[in-house]
Amino acid sequence: KGRFIKDYEQAALAFLGLHRPNDLCSYLKV
């Protein structure tokens, strides 16, 4: 329960949502 699982789930979904090279740049902040 709580923030711990939600934080990891959000990090997972952010990675799964990558489509384009510029998405990857934004995700990695590079």
PDB file of all heavy atoms in Angstrom:
ATOM      1  N   LYS A   1       0.834  -1.200   0.000  1.00  0.00           N
ATOM      2  CA  LYS A   1       0.000   0.000   0.000  1.00  0.00           C
ATOM      3  C   LYS A   1       0.865   1.245   0.000  1.00  0.00           C
ATOM      4  O   LYS A   1       2.049   1.222   0.302  1.00  0.00           O
ATOM      5  CB  LYS A   1      -0.908  -0.001   1.250  1.00  0.00           C
ATOM      6  CG  LYS A   1      -1.769  -1.248   1.383  1.00  0.00           C
ATOM      7  CD  LYS A   1      -2.801  -1.358   0.278  1.00  0.00           C
ATOM      8  CE  LYS A   1      -3.706  -2.563   0.500  1.00  0.00           C
ATOM      9  NZ  LYS A   1      -4.682  -2.711  -0.578  1.00  0.00           N
ATOM     10  N   GLY A   2       0.251   2.368  -0.312  1.00  0.00           N
ATOM     11  CA  GLY A   2       0.885   3.651  -0.110  1.00  0.00           C
ATOM     12  C   GLY A   2       1.809   4.089  -1.224  1.00  0.00           C
ATOM     13  O   GLY A   2       1.807   3.559  -2.328  1.00  0.00           O
ATOM     14  N   ARG A   3       2.626   5.063  -0.872  1.00  0.00           N
ATOM     15  CA  ARG A   3       3.431   5.768  -1.851  1.00  0.00           C
ATOM     16  C   ARG A   3       4.503   4.888  -2.480  1.00  0.00           C
ATOM     17  O   ARG A   3       4.857   5.061  -3.651  1.00  0.00           O
ATOM     18  CB  ARG A   3       4.072   6.979  -1.178  1.00  0.00           C
ATOM     19  CG  ARG A   3       4.806   7.888  -2.139  1.00  0.00           C
ATOM     20  CD  ARG A   3       5.331   9.119  -1.425  1.00  0.00           C
ATOM     21  NE  ARG A   3       5.991  10.007  -2.358  1.00  0.00           N
ATOM     22  CZ  ARG A   3       5.381  10.886  -3.126  1.00  0.00           C
ATOM     23  NH1 ARG A   3       4.061  10.970  -3.068  1.00  0.00           N
ATOM     24  NH2 ARG A   3       6.044  11.656  -3.952  1.00  0.00           N
ATOM     25  N   PHE A   4       5.038   3.939  -1.719  1.00  0.00           N
ATOM     26  CA  PHE A   4       6.155   3.131  -2.216  1.00  0.00           C
ATOM     27  C   PHE A   4       5.796   2.409  -3.502  1.00  0.00           C
ATOM     28  O   PHE A   4       6.450   2.555  -4.530  1.00  0.00           O
ATOM     29  CB  PHE A   4       6.582   2.132  -1.138  1.00  0.00           C
ATOM     30  CG  PHE A   4       7.548   1.094  -1.634  1.00  0.00           C
ATOM     31  CD1 PHE A   4       8.813   1.464  -2.045  1.00  0.00           C
ATOM     32  CD2 PHE A   4       7.183  -0.235  -1.708  1.00  0.00           C
ATOM     33  CE1 PHE A   4       9.709   0.526  -2.506  1.00  0.00           C
ATOM     34  CE2 PHE A   4       8.061  -1.175  -2.172  1.00  0.00           C
ATOM     35  CZ  PHE A   4       9.335  -0.804  -2.564  1.00  0.00           C
ATOM     36  N   ILE A   5       4.715   1.629  -3.479  1.00  0.00           N
ATOM     37  CA  ILE A   5       4.298   0.893  -4.671  1.00  0.00           C
ATOM     38  C   ILE A   5       3.909   1.864  -5.776  1.00  0.00           C
ATOM     39  O   ILE A   5       4.252   1.663  -6.947  1.00  0.00           O
ATOM     40  CB  ILE A   5       3.129  -0.055  -4.340  1.00  0.00           C
ATOM     41  CG1 ILE A   5       3.636  -1.234  -3.511  1.00  0.00           C
ATOM     42  CG2 ILE A   5       2.450  -0.552  -5.604  1.00  0.00           C
ATOM     43  CD1 ILE A   5       4.543  -2.178  -4.264  1.00  0.00           C
ATOM     44  N   LYS A   6       3.211   2.941  -5.411  1.00  0.00           N
ATOM     45  CA  LYS A   6       2.751   3.899  -6.422  1.00  0.00           C
ATOM     46  C   LYS A   6       3.927   4.552  -7.134  1.00  0.00           C
ATOM     47  O   LYS A   6       3.901   4.748  -8.351  1.00  0.00           O
ATOM     48  CB  LYS A   6       1.857   4.958  -5.770  1.00  0.00           C
ATOM     49  CG  LYS A   6       1.227   5.919  -6.767  1.00  0.00           C
ATOM     50  CD  LYS A   6       0.150   6.763  -6.096  1.00  0.00           C
ATOM     51  CE  LYS A   6      -1.067   5.920  -5.746  1.00  0.00           C
ATOM     52  NZ  LYS A   6      -2.192   6.740  -5.259  1.00  0.00           N
ATOM     53  N   ASP A   7       5.000   4.882  -6.399  1.00  0.00           N
ATOM     54  CA  ASP A   7       6.175   5.497  -7.015  1.00  0.00           C
ATOM     55  C   ASP A   7       6.804   4.573  -8.049  1.00  0.00           C
ATOM     56  O   ASP A   7       7.174   5.004  -9.143  1.00  0.00           O
ATOM     57  CB  ASP A   7       7.206   5.861  -5.951  1.00  0.00           C
ATOM     58  CG  ASP A   7       6.793   7.087  -5.149  1.00  0.00           C
ATOM     59  OD1 ASP A   7       5.825   7.759  -5.553  1.00  0.00           O
ATOM     60  OD2 ASP A   7       7.440   7.358  -4.120  1.00  0.00           O
ATOM     61  N   TYR A   8       6.934   3.316  -7.698  1.00  0.00           N
ATOM     62  CA  TYR A   8       7.533   2.365  -8.634  1.00  0.00           C
ATOM     63  C   TYR A   8       6.612   2.088  -9.814  1.00  0.00           C
ATOM     64  O   TYR A   8       7.072   1.900 -10.941  1.00  0.00           O
ATOM     65  CB  TYR A   8       7.905   1.060  -7.923  1.00  0.00           C
ATOM     66  CG  TYR A   8       9.293   1.112  -7.335  1.00  0.00           C
ATOM     67  CD1 TYR A   8       9.501   1.513  -6.015  1.00  0.00           C
ATOM     68  CD2 TYR A   8      10.405   0.791  -8.104  1.00  0.00           C
ATOM     69  CE1 TYR A   8      10.774   1.577  -5.483  1.00  0.00           C
ATOM     70  CE2 TYR A   8      11.683   0.851  -7.578  1.00  0.00           C
ATOM     71  CZ  TYR A   8      11.862   1.245  -6.271  1.00  0.00           C
ATOM     72  OH  TYR A   8      13.130   1.316  -5.744  1.00  0.00           O
ATOM     73  N   GLU A   9       5.319   2.051  -9.553  1.00  0.00           N
ATOM     74  CA  GLU A   9       4.382   1.835 -10.650  1.00  0.00           C
ATOM     75  C   GLU A   9       4.427   3.015 -11.623  1.00  0.00           C
ATOM     76  O   GLU A   9       4.422   2.827 -12.842  1.00  0.00           O
ATOM     77  CB  GLU A   9       2.961   1.657 -10.111  1.00  0.00           C
ATOM     78  CG  GLU A   9       1.948   1.357 -11.202  1.00  0.00           C
ATOM     79  CD  GLU A   9       0.572   1.073 -10.656  1.00  0.00           C
ATOM     80  OE1 GLU A   9       0.390   1.192  -9.429  1.00  0.00           O
ATOM     81  OE2 GLU A   9      -0.310   0.734 -11.441  1.00  0.00           O
ATOM     82  N   GLN A  10       4.500   4.231 -11.099  1.00  0.00           N
ATOM     83  CA  GLN A  10       4.582   5.408 -11.967  1.00  0.00           C
ATOM     84  C   GLN A  10       5.875   5.412 -12.778  1.00  0.00           C
ATOM     85  O   GLN A  10       5.878   5.761 -13.964  1.00  0.00           O
ATOM     86  CB  GLN A  10       4.469   6.678 -11.122  1.00  0.00           C
ATOM     87  CG  GLN A  10       3.072   6.916 -10.561  1.00  0.00           C
ATOM     88  CD  GLN A  10       3.014   8.101  -9.616  1.00  0.00           C
ATOM     89  OE1 GLN A  10       4.048   8.643  -9.210  1.00  0.00           O
ATOM     90  NE2 GLN A  10       1.801   8.503  -9.235  1.00  0.00           N
ATOM     91  N   ALA A  11       6.990   5.010 -12.144  1.00  0.00           N
ATOM     92  CA  ALA A  11       8.266   4.925 -12.864  1.00  0.00           C
ATOM     93  C   ALA A  11       8.188   3.881 -13.972  1.00  0.00           C
ATOM     94  O   ALA A  11       8.708   4.081 -15.073  1.00  0.00           O
ATOM     95  CB  ALA A  11       9.396   4.588 -11.892  1.00  0.00           C
ATOM     96  N   ALA A  12       7.507   2.764 -13.685  1.00  0.00           N
ATOM     97  CA  ALA A  12       7.350   1.710 -14.685  1.00  0.00           C
ATOM     98  C   ALA A  12       6.525   2.193 -15.864  1.00  0.00           C
ATOM     99  O   ALA A  12       6.893   1.989 -17.032  1.00  0.00           O
ATOM    100  CB  ALA A  12       6.696   0.483 -14.044  1.00  0.00           C
ATOM    101  N   LEU A  13       5.406   2.845 -15.582  1.00  0.00           N
ATOM    102  CA  LEU A  13       4.525   3.299 -16.653  1.00  0.00           C
ATOM    103  C   LEU A  13       5.167   4.413 -17.482  1.00  0.00           C
ATOM    104  O   LEU A  13       4.917   4.515 -18.688  1.00  0.00           O
ATOM    105  CB  LEU A  13       3.194   3.769 -16.063  1.00  0.00           C
ATOM    106  CG  LEU A  13       2.351   2.664 -15.418  1.00  0.00           C
ATOM    107  CD1 LEU A  13       1.101   3.234 -14.792  1.00  0.00           C
ATOM    108  CD2 LEU A  13       1.998   1.589 -16.433  1.00  0.00           C
ATOM    109  N   ALA A  14       6.011   5.235 -16.855  1.00  0.00           N
ATOM    110  CA  ALA A  14       6.721   6.273 -17.611  1.00  0.00           C
ATOM    111  C   ALA A  14       7.651   5.642 -18.642  1.00  0.00           C
ATOM    112  O   ALA A  14       7.760   6.109 -19.781  1.00  0.00           O
ATOM    113  CB  ALA A  14       7.517   7.166 -16.660  1.00  0.00           C
ATOM    114  N   PHE A  15       8.305   4.559 -18.255  1.00  0.00           N
ATOM    115  CA  PHE A  15       9.214   3.864 -19.172  1.00  0.00           C
ATOM    116  C   PHE A  15       8.430   3.156 -20.274  1.00  0.00           C
ATOM    117  O   PHE A  15       8.817   3.187 -21.453  1.00  0.00           O
ATOM    118  CB  PHE A  15      10.054   2.860 -18.389  1.00  0.00           C
ATOM    119  CG  PHE A  15      11.175   2.241 -19.175  1.00  0.00           C
ATOM    120  CD1 PHE A  15      12.309   2.968 -19.475  1.00  0.00           C
ATOM    121  CD2 PHE A  15      11.096   0.931 -19.599  1.00  0.00           C
ATOM    122  CE1 PHE A  15      13.353   2.399 -20.191  1.00  0.00           C
ATOM    123  CE2 PHE A  15      12.132   0.346 -20.318  1.00  0.00           C
ATOM    124  CZ  PHE A  15      13.270   1.087 -20.613  1.00  0.00           C
ATOM    125  N   LEU A  16       7.323   2.533 -19.904  1.00  0.00           N
ATOM    126  CA  LEU A  16       6.508   1.828 -20.891  1.00  0.00           C
ATOM    127  C   LEU A  16       5.855   2.790 -21.877  1.00  0.00           C
ATOM    128  O   LEU A  16       5.431   2.384 -22.957  1.00  0.00           O
ATOM    129  CB  LEU A  16       5.424   1.000 -20.192  1.00  0.00           C
ATOM    130  CG  LEU A  16       5.917  -0.200 -19.374  1.00  0.00           C
ATOM    131  CD1 LEU A  16       4.775  -0.790 -18.552  1.00  0.00           C
ATOM    132  CD2 LEU A  16       6.530  -1.259 -20.269  1.00  0.00           C
ATOM    133  N   GLY A  17       5.774   4.064 -21.529  1.00  0.00           N
ATOM    134  CA  GLY A  17       5.133   5.039 -22.395  1.00  0.00           C
ATOM    135  C   GLY A  17       6.058   5.693 -23.403  1.00  0.00           C
ATOM    136  O   GLY A  17       5.649   6.627 -24.094  1.00  0.00           O
ATOM    137  N   LEU A  18       7.311   5.214 -23.502  1.00  0.00           N
ATOM    138  CA  LEU A  18       8.250   5.803 -24.456  1.00  0.00           C
ATOM    139  C   LEU A  18       7.924   5.349 -25.875  1.00  0.00           C
ATOM    140  O   LEU A  18       7.744   4.156 -26.128  1.00  0.00           O
ATOM    141  CB  LEU A  18       9.691   5.403 -24.103  1.00  0.00           C
ATOM    142  CG  LEU A  18      10.200   5.824 -22.721  1.00  0.00           C
ATOM    143  CD1 LEU A  18      11.600   5.283 -22.488  1.00  0.00           C
ATOM    144  CD2 LEU A  18      10.184   7.337 -22.575  1.00  0.00           C
ATOM    145  N   HIS A  19       7.859   6.305 -26.809  1.00  0.00           N
ATOM    146  CA  HIS A  19       7.554   5.988 -28.203  1.00  0.00           C
ATOM    147  C   HIS A  19       8.632   6.480 -29.162  1.00  0.00           C
ATOM    148  O   HIS A  19       9.029   5.768 -30.069  1.00  0.00           O
ATOM    149  CB  HIS A  19       6.220   6.623 -28.610  1.00  0.00           C
ATOM    150  CG  HIS A  19       5.086   6.251 -27.717  1.00  0.00           C
ATOM    151  ND1 HIS A  19       4.731   4.953 -27.461  1.00  0.00           N
ATOM    152  CD2 HIS A  19       4.221   7.021 -27.000  1.00  0.00           C
ATOM    153  CE1 HIS A  19       3.695   4.935 -26.645  1.00  0.00           C
ATOM    154  NE2 HIS A  19       3.363   6.179 -26.345  1.00  0.00           N
ATOM    155  N   ARG A  20       9.073   7.719 -28.970  1.00  0.00           N
ATOM    156  CA  ARG A  20       9.972   8.366 -29.913  1.00  0.00           C
ATOM    157  C   ARG A  20      11.319   8.635 -29.238  1.00  0.00           C
ATOM    158  O   ARG A  20      11.405   8.665 -28.004  1.00  0.00           O
ATOM    159  CB  ARG A  20       9.392   9.697 -30.398  1.00  0.00           C
ATOM    160  CG  ARG A  20       7.976   9.611 -30.949  1.00  0.00           C
ATOM    161  CD  ARG A  20       7.464  11.006 -31.265  1.00  0.00           C
ATOM    162  NE  ARG A  20       6.114  11.006 -31.794  1.00  0.00           N
ATOM    163  CZ  ARG A  20       5.015  11.013 -31.047  1.00  0.00           C
ATOM    164  NH1 ARG A  20       5.120  11.035 -29.727  1.00  0.00           N
ATOM    165  NH2 ARG A  20       3.811  11.005 -31.609  1.00  0.00           N
ATOM    166  N   PRO A  21      12.358   8.892 -30.033  1.00  0.00           N
ATOM    167  CA  PRO A  21      13.647   9.256 -29.428  1.00  0.00           C
ATOM    168  C   PRO A  21      13.564  10.476 -28.515  1.00  0.00           C
ATOM    169  O   PRO A  21      14.242  10.521 -27.487  1.00  0.00           O
ATOM    170  CB  PRO A  21      14.530   9.528 -30.646  1.00  0.00           C
ATOM    171  CG  PRO A  21      13.960   8.660 -31.714  1.00  0.00           C
ATOM    172  CD  PRO A  21      12.472   8.680 -31.483  1.00  0.00           C
ATOM    173  N   ASN A  22      12.737  11.472 -28.878  1.00  0.00           N
ATOM    174  CA  ASN A  22      12.644  12.638 -27.999  1.00  0.00           C
ATOM    175  C   ASN A  22      11.924  12.306 -26.690  1.00  0.00           C
ATOM    176  O   ASN A  22      12.138  12.954 -25.668  1.00  0.00           O
ATOM    177  CB  ASN A  22      11.976  13.827 -28.705  1.00  0.00           C
ATOM    178  CG  ASN A  22      10.593  13.488 -29.214  1.00  0.00           C
ATOM    179  OD1 ASN A  22      10.345  12.370 -29.659  1.00  0.00           O
ATOM    180  ND2 ASN A  22       9.688  14.456 -29.173  1.00  0.00           N
ATOM    181  N   ASP A  23      11.051  11.272 -26.697  1.00  0.00           N
ATOM    182  CA  ASP A  23      10.462  10.784 -25.441  1.00  0.00           C
ATOM    183  C   ASP A  23      11.555  10.245 -24.530  1.00  0.00           C
ATOM    184  O   ASP A  23      11.552  10.474 -23.316  1.00  0.00           O
ATOM    185  CB  ASP A  23       9.446   9.666 -25.717  1.00  0.00           C
ATOM    186  CG  ASP A  23       8.219  10.150 -26.440  1.00  0.00           C
ATOM    187  OD1 ASP A  23       7.937  11.364 -26.390  1.00  0.00           O
ATOM    188  OD2 ASP A  23       7.528   9.324 -27.064  1.00  0.00           O
ATOM    189  N   LEU A  24      12.491   9.505 -25.133  1.00  0.00           N
ATOM    190  CA  LEU A  24      13.595   8.933 -24.369  1.00  0.00           C
ATOM    191  C   LEU A  24      14.473  10.028 -23.781  1.00  0.00           C
ATOM    192  O   LEU A  24      14.900   9.943 -22.625  1.00  0.00           O
ATOM    193  CB  LEU A  24      14.423   8.006 -25.268  1.00  0.00           C
ATOM    194  CG  LEU A  24      15.534   7.182 -24.608  1.00  0.00           C
ATOM    195  CD1 LEU A  24      14.970   6.279 -23.521  1.00  0.00           C
ATOM    196  CD2 LEU A  24      16.277   6.355 -25.657  1.00  0.00           C
ATOM    197  N   CYS A  25      14.726  11.076 -24.545  1.00  0.00           N
ATOM    198  CA  CYS A  25      15.517  12.202 -24.047  1.00  0.00           C
ATOM    199  C   CYS A  25      14.825  12.891 -22.871  1.00  0.00           C
ATOM    200  O   CYS A  25      15.461  13.213 -21.864  1.00  0.00           O
ATOM    201  CB  CYS A  25      15.755  13.217 -25.164  1.00  0.00           C
ATOM    202  SG  CYS A  25      16.809  12.612 -26.491  1.00  0.00           S
ATOM    203  N   SER A  26      13.525  13.115 -23.003  1.00  0.00           N
ATOM    204  CA  SER A  26      12.769  13.768 -21.929  1.00  0.00           C
ATOM    205  C   SER A  26      12.747  12.898 -20.677  1.00  0.00           C
ATOM    206  O   SER A  26      12.905  13.396 -19.551  1.00  0.00           O
ATOM    207  CB  SER A  26      11.341  14.055 -22.402  1.00  0.00           C
ATOM    208  OG  SER A  26      11.340  14.954 -23.488  1.00  0.00           O
ATOM    209  N   TYR A  27      12.548  11.612 -20.869  1.00  0.00           N
ATOM    210  CA  TYR A  27      12.502  10.677 -19.742  1.00  0.00           C
ATOM    211  C   TYR A  27      13.838  10.643 -18.995  1.00  0.00           C
ATOM    212  O   TYR A  27      13.881  10.666 -17.757  1.00  0.00           O
ATOM    213  CB  TYR A  27      12.135   9.286 -20.256  1.00  0.00           C
ATOM    214  CG  TYR A  27      12.411   8.156 -19.301  1.00  0.00           C
ATOM    215  CD1 TYR A  27      11.567   7.883 -18.224  1.00  0.00           C
ATOM    216  CD2 TYR A  27      13.535   7.341 -19.482  1.00  0.00           C
ATOM    217  CE1 TYR A  27      11.836   6.838 -17.351  1.00  0.00           C
ATOM    218  CE2 TYR A  27      13.797   6.296 -18.621  1.00  0.00           C
ATOM    219  CZ  TYR A  27      12.951   6.047 -17.552  1.00  0.00           C
ATOM    220  OH  TYR A  27      13.228   5.018 -16.700  1.00  0.00           O
ATOM    221  N   LEU A  28      14.941  10.619 -19.749  1.00  0.00           N
ATOM    222  CA  LEU A  28      16.266  10.531 -19.150  1.00  0.00           C
ATOM    223  C   LEU A  28      16.826  11.897 -18.768  1.00  0.00           C
ATOM    224  O   LEU A  28      17.868  11.969 -18.113  1.00  0.00           O
ATOM    225  CB  LEU A  28      17.231   9.840 -20.114  1.00  0.00           C
ATOM    226  CG  LEU A  28      16.930   8.370 -20.428  1.00  0.00           C
ATOM    227  CD1 LEU A  28      17.860   7.860 -21.517  1.00  0.00           C
ATOM    228  CD2 LEU A  28      17.047   7.513 -19.176  1.00  0.00           C
ATOM    229  N   LYS A  29      16.140  12.993 -19.214  1.00  0.00           N
ATOM    230  CA  LYS A  29      16.618  14.356 -18.963  1.00  0.00           C
ATOM    231  C   LYS A  29      18.037  14.536 -19.508  1.00  0.00           C
ATOM    232  O   LYS A  29      18.950  15.021 -18.821  1.00  0.00           O
ATOM    233  CB  LYS A  29      16.553  14.697 -17.475  1.00  0.00           C
ATOM    234  CG  LYS A  29      15.149  14.746 -16.919  1.00  0.00           C
ATOM    235  CD  LYS A  29      15.152  15.114 -15.447  1.00  0.00           C
ATOM    236  CE  LYS A  29      13.736  15.332 -14.919  1.00  0.00           C
ATOM    237  NZ  LYS A  29      12.849  14.168 -15.076  1.00  0.00           N
ATOM    238  N   VAL A  30      18.199  14.139 -20.771  1.00  0.00           N
ATOM    239  CA  VAL A  30      19.489  14.215 -21.447  1.00  0.00           C
ATOM    240  C   VAL A  30      19.296  14.890 -22.799  1.00  0.00           C
ATOM    241  O   VAL A  30      18.312  14.622 -23.494  1.00  0.00           O
ATOM    242  CB  VAL A  30      20.095  12.804 -21.654  1.00  0.00           C
ATOM    243  CG1 VAL A  30      21.388  12.882 -22.458  1.00  0.00           C
ATOM    244  CG2 VAL A  30      20.356  12.137 -20.318  1.00  0.00           C
TER     245      VAL A  30
END
